[in-house]
C-alpha atoms as a PDB file:
ATOM      1  CA  MET A   1      -3.804 -27.306   4.848  1.00  0.00           C
ATOM      2  CA  SER A   2      -2.571 -24.764   7.403  1.00  0.00           C
ATOM      3  CA  ILE A   3      -3.639 -21.124   7.341  1.00  0.00           C
ATOM      4  CA  SER A   4      -0.122 -20.182   6.286  1.00  0.00           C
ATOM      5  CA  GLY A   5      -0.271 -22.730   3.489  1.00  0.00           C
ATOM      6  CA  LYS A   6      -3.629 -21.340   2.335  1.00  0.00           C
ATOM      7  CA  TYR A   7      -2.184 -17.823   2.349  1.00  0.00           C
ATOM      8  CA  ASN A   8       0.811 -18.958   0.281  1.00  0.00           C
ATOM      9  CA  GLN A   9      -1.541 -20.625  -2.188  1.00  0.00           C
ATOM     10  CA  PHE A  10      -3.656 -17.441  -2.403  1.00  0.00           C
ATOM     11  CA  HIS A  11      -0.521 -15.297  -2.864  1.00  0.00           C
ATOM     12  CA  ALA A  12       0.714 -17.524  -5.685  1.00  0.00           C
ATOM     13  CA  SER A  13      -2.659 -17.373  -7.444  1.00  0.00           C
ATOM     14  CA  VAL A  14      -2.757 -13.567  -7.240  1.00  0.00           C
ATOM     15  CA  TYR A  15       0.670 -13.199  -8.827  1.00  0.00           C
ATOM     16  CA  GLU A  16       0.394 -15.949 -11.451  1.00  0.00           C
ATOM     17  CA  ASP A  17       1.138 -14.893 -15.019  1.00  0.00           C
ATOM     18  CA  ASN A  18      -2.001 -15.858 -16.930  1.00  0.00           C
ATOM     19  CA  THR A  19      -4.405 -13.195 -15.647  1.00  0.00           C
ATOM     20  CA  VAL A  20      -5.653  -9.857 -16.984  1.00  0.00           C
ATOM     21  CA  LEU A  21      -2.869  -7.762 -15.412  1.00  0.00           C
ATOM     22  CA  ASP A  22       0.719  -8.314 -16.472  1.00  0.00           C
ATOM     23  CA  LYS A  23       3.435  -9.053 -13.924  1.00  0.00           C
ATOM     24  CA  LYS A  24       4.858  -5.522 -13.931  1.00  0.00           C
ATOM     25  CA  THR A  25       1.457  -3.899 -13.369  1.00  0.00           C
ATOM     26  CA  LYS A  26       0.679  -6.267 -10.508  1.00  0.00           C
ATOM     27  CA  HIS A  27       3.952  -5.457  -8.786  1.00  0.00           C
ATOM     28  CA  LEU A  28       3.556  -1.710  -9.353  1.00  0.00           C
ATOM     29  CA  ILE A  29       0.195  -1.974  -7.590  1.00  0.00           C
ATOM     30  CA  CYS A  30       1.776  -4.119  -4.878  1.00  0.00           C
ATOM     31  CA  LEU A  31       4.564  -1.605  -4.313  1.00  0.00           C
ATOM     32  CA  ALA A  32       2.189   1.353  -4.182  1.00  0.00           C
ATOM     33  CA  ALA A  33      -0.179  -0.399  -1.778  1.00  0.00           C
ATOM     34  CA  SER A  34       2.606  -1.648   0.458  1.00  0.00           C
ATOM     35  CA  LEU A  35       4.293   1.759   0.623  1.00  0.00           C
ATOM     36  CA  ALA A  36       0.977   3.445   1.423  1.00  0.00           C
ATOM     37  CA  SER A  37       0.203   0.905   4.141  1.00  0.00           C
ATOM     38  CA  GLY A  38       3.732   0.897   5.549  1.00  0.00           C
ATOM     39  CA  CYS A  39       4.600  -2.749   4.895  1.00  0.00           C
ATOM     40  CA  GLY A  40       8.374  -2.820   4.462  1.00  0.00           C
ATOM     41  CA  PHE A  41       8.488  -6.542   3.749  1.00  0.00           C
ATOM     42  CA  CYS A  42       5.991  -6.270   0.875  1.00  0.00           C
ATOM     43  CA  SER A  43       7.653  -3.094  -0.435  1.00  0.00           C
ATOM     44  CA  LYS A  44      11.017  -4.871  -0.569  1.00  0.00           C
ATOM     45  CA  TYR A  45       9.473  -7.877  -2.330  1.00  0.00           C
ATOM     46  CA  ALA A  46       7.656  -5.780  -4.941  1.00  0.00           C
ATOM     47  CA  LEU A  47      10.629  -3.523  -5.628  1.00  0.00           C
ATOM     48  CA  SER A  48      12.949  -6.516  -6.066  1.00  0.00           C
ATOM     49  CA  VAL A  49      10.588  -8.027  -8.651  1.00  0.00           C
ATOM     50  CA  LEU A  50      10.244  -4.669 -10.412  1.00  0.00           C
ATOM     51  CA  GLN A  51      14.022  -4.279 -10.540  1.00  0.00           C
ATOM     52  CA  GLU A  52      14.235  -7.708 -12.218  1.00  0.00           C
ATOM     53  CA  LEU A  53      11.673  -6.381 -14.718  1.00  0.00           C
ATOM     54  CA  ASP A  54      13.869  -3.304 -15.348  1.00  0.00           C
ATOM     55  CA  ILE A  55      11.585  -0.646 -13.891  1.00  0.00           C
ATOM     56  CA  SER A  56      12.830   2.790 -14.872  1.00  0.00           C
ATOM     57  CA  ALA A  57      13.643   5.645 -12.529  1.00  0.00           C
ATOM     58  CA  THR A  58      10.850   7.628 -14.197  1.00  0.00           C
ATOM     59  CA  GLU A  59       8.299   4.889 -13.475  1.00  0.00           C
ATOM     60  CA  LEU A  60       9.420   4.736  -9.840  1.00  0.00           C
ATOM     61  CA  GLU A  61       9.199   8.517  -9.532  1.00  0.00           C
ATOM     62  CA  GLU A  62       5.632   8.511 -10.865  1.00  0.00           C
ATOM     63  CA  LEU A  63       4.690   5.699  -8.489  1.00  0.00           C
ATOM     64  CA  ARG A  64       6.247   7.647  -5.612  1.00  0.00           C
ATOM     65  CA  ALA A  65       4.193  10.725  -6.516  1.00  0.00           C
ATOM     66  CA  ILE A  66       0.977   8.697  -6.597  1.00  0.00           C
ATOM     67  CA  VAL A  67       1.685   7.112  -3.205  1.00  0.00           C
ATOM     68  CA  MET A  68       2.549  10.505  -1.747  1.00  0.00           C
ATOM     69  CA  THR A  69      -0.729  12.017  -2.932  1.00  0.00           C
ATOM     70  CA  VAL A  70      -2.757   9.125  -1.556  1.00  0.00           C
ATOM     71  CA  THR A  71      -1.076   9.171   1.843  1.00  0.00           C
ATOM     72  CA  ALA A  72      -1.117  12.981   2.065  1.00  0.00           C
ATOM     73  CA  THR A  73      -4.828  12.988   1.268  1.00  0.00           C
ATOM     74  CA  LYS A  74      -5.382  10.394   3.985  1.00  0.00           C
ATOM     75  CA  ILE A  75      -3.587  12.597   6.514  1.00  0.00           C
ATOM     76  CA  LYS A  76      -5.436  15.718   5.339  1.00  0.00           C
ATOM     77  CA  ALA A  77      -8.784  13.924   5.713  1.00  0.00           C
ATOM     78  CA  ALA A  78      -7.844  12.561   9.145  1.00  0.00           C
ATOM     79  CA  LEU A  79      -6.911  16.021  10.382  1.00  0.00           C
ATOM     80  CA  ALA A  80     -10.161  17.506   9.061  1.00  0.00           C
ATOM     81  CA  GLN A  81     -12.117  14.727  10.782  1.00  0.00           C
ATOM     82  CA  THR A  82     -10.216  15.291  14.026  1.00  0.00           C
ATOM     83  CA  GLU A  83     -10.948  19.003  13.886  1.00  0.00           C
ATOM     84  CA  ASP A  84     -14.644  18.248  13.344  1.00  0.00           C
ATOM     85  CA  ASP A  85     -14.629  15.749  16.195  1.00  0.00           C
ATOM     86  CA  LEU A  86     -13.111  18.324  18.554  1.00  0.00           C
ATOM     87  CA  LYS A  87     -15.947  20.732  17.799  1.00  0.00           C
ATOM     88  CA  ASP A  88     -18.371  18.093  19.109  1.00  0.00           C
ATOM     89  CA  ASP A  89     -16.286  16.839  22.042  1.00  0.00           C
ATOM     90  CA  SER A  90     -15.358  19.136  24.892  1.00  0.00           C
ATOM     91  CA  ASN A  91     -13.256  16.466  26.622  1.00  0.00           C
ATOM     92  CA  PRO A  92     -10.825  14.900  24.137  1.00  0.00           C
ATOM     93  CA  MET A  93      -8.895  11.894  25.417  1.00  0.00           C
ATOM     94  CA  CYS A  94      -5.965  10.030  23.982  1.00  0.00           C
ATOM     95  CA  CYS A  95      -5.520   6.277  24.265  1.00  0.00           C
ATOM     96  CA  VAL A  96      -8.014   5.952  27.087  1.00  0.00           C
ATOM     97  CA  ILE A  97     -11.000   3.671  26.928  1.00  0.00           C
END
């Protein structure tokens, strides 16, 4: 089986119905993770499934708030780390190896 075929098989097994998490929960997690990681393709997929499952505007708003806090915290932590790194490095360089 090709790598792509193995991925498709893995994907299908993750989203199958008879597991601990229900379909809506799985796709809420998928949407949050894909938004946070910037994957438009996965975001579109997850949102389309959630719309078929009648996700409410309130549920989407709560998901949006969670994703915003996660990504904002990531940026806040990255800036703090960068500031710390600058204290230890007198010659900062960008995109140079």
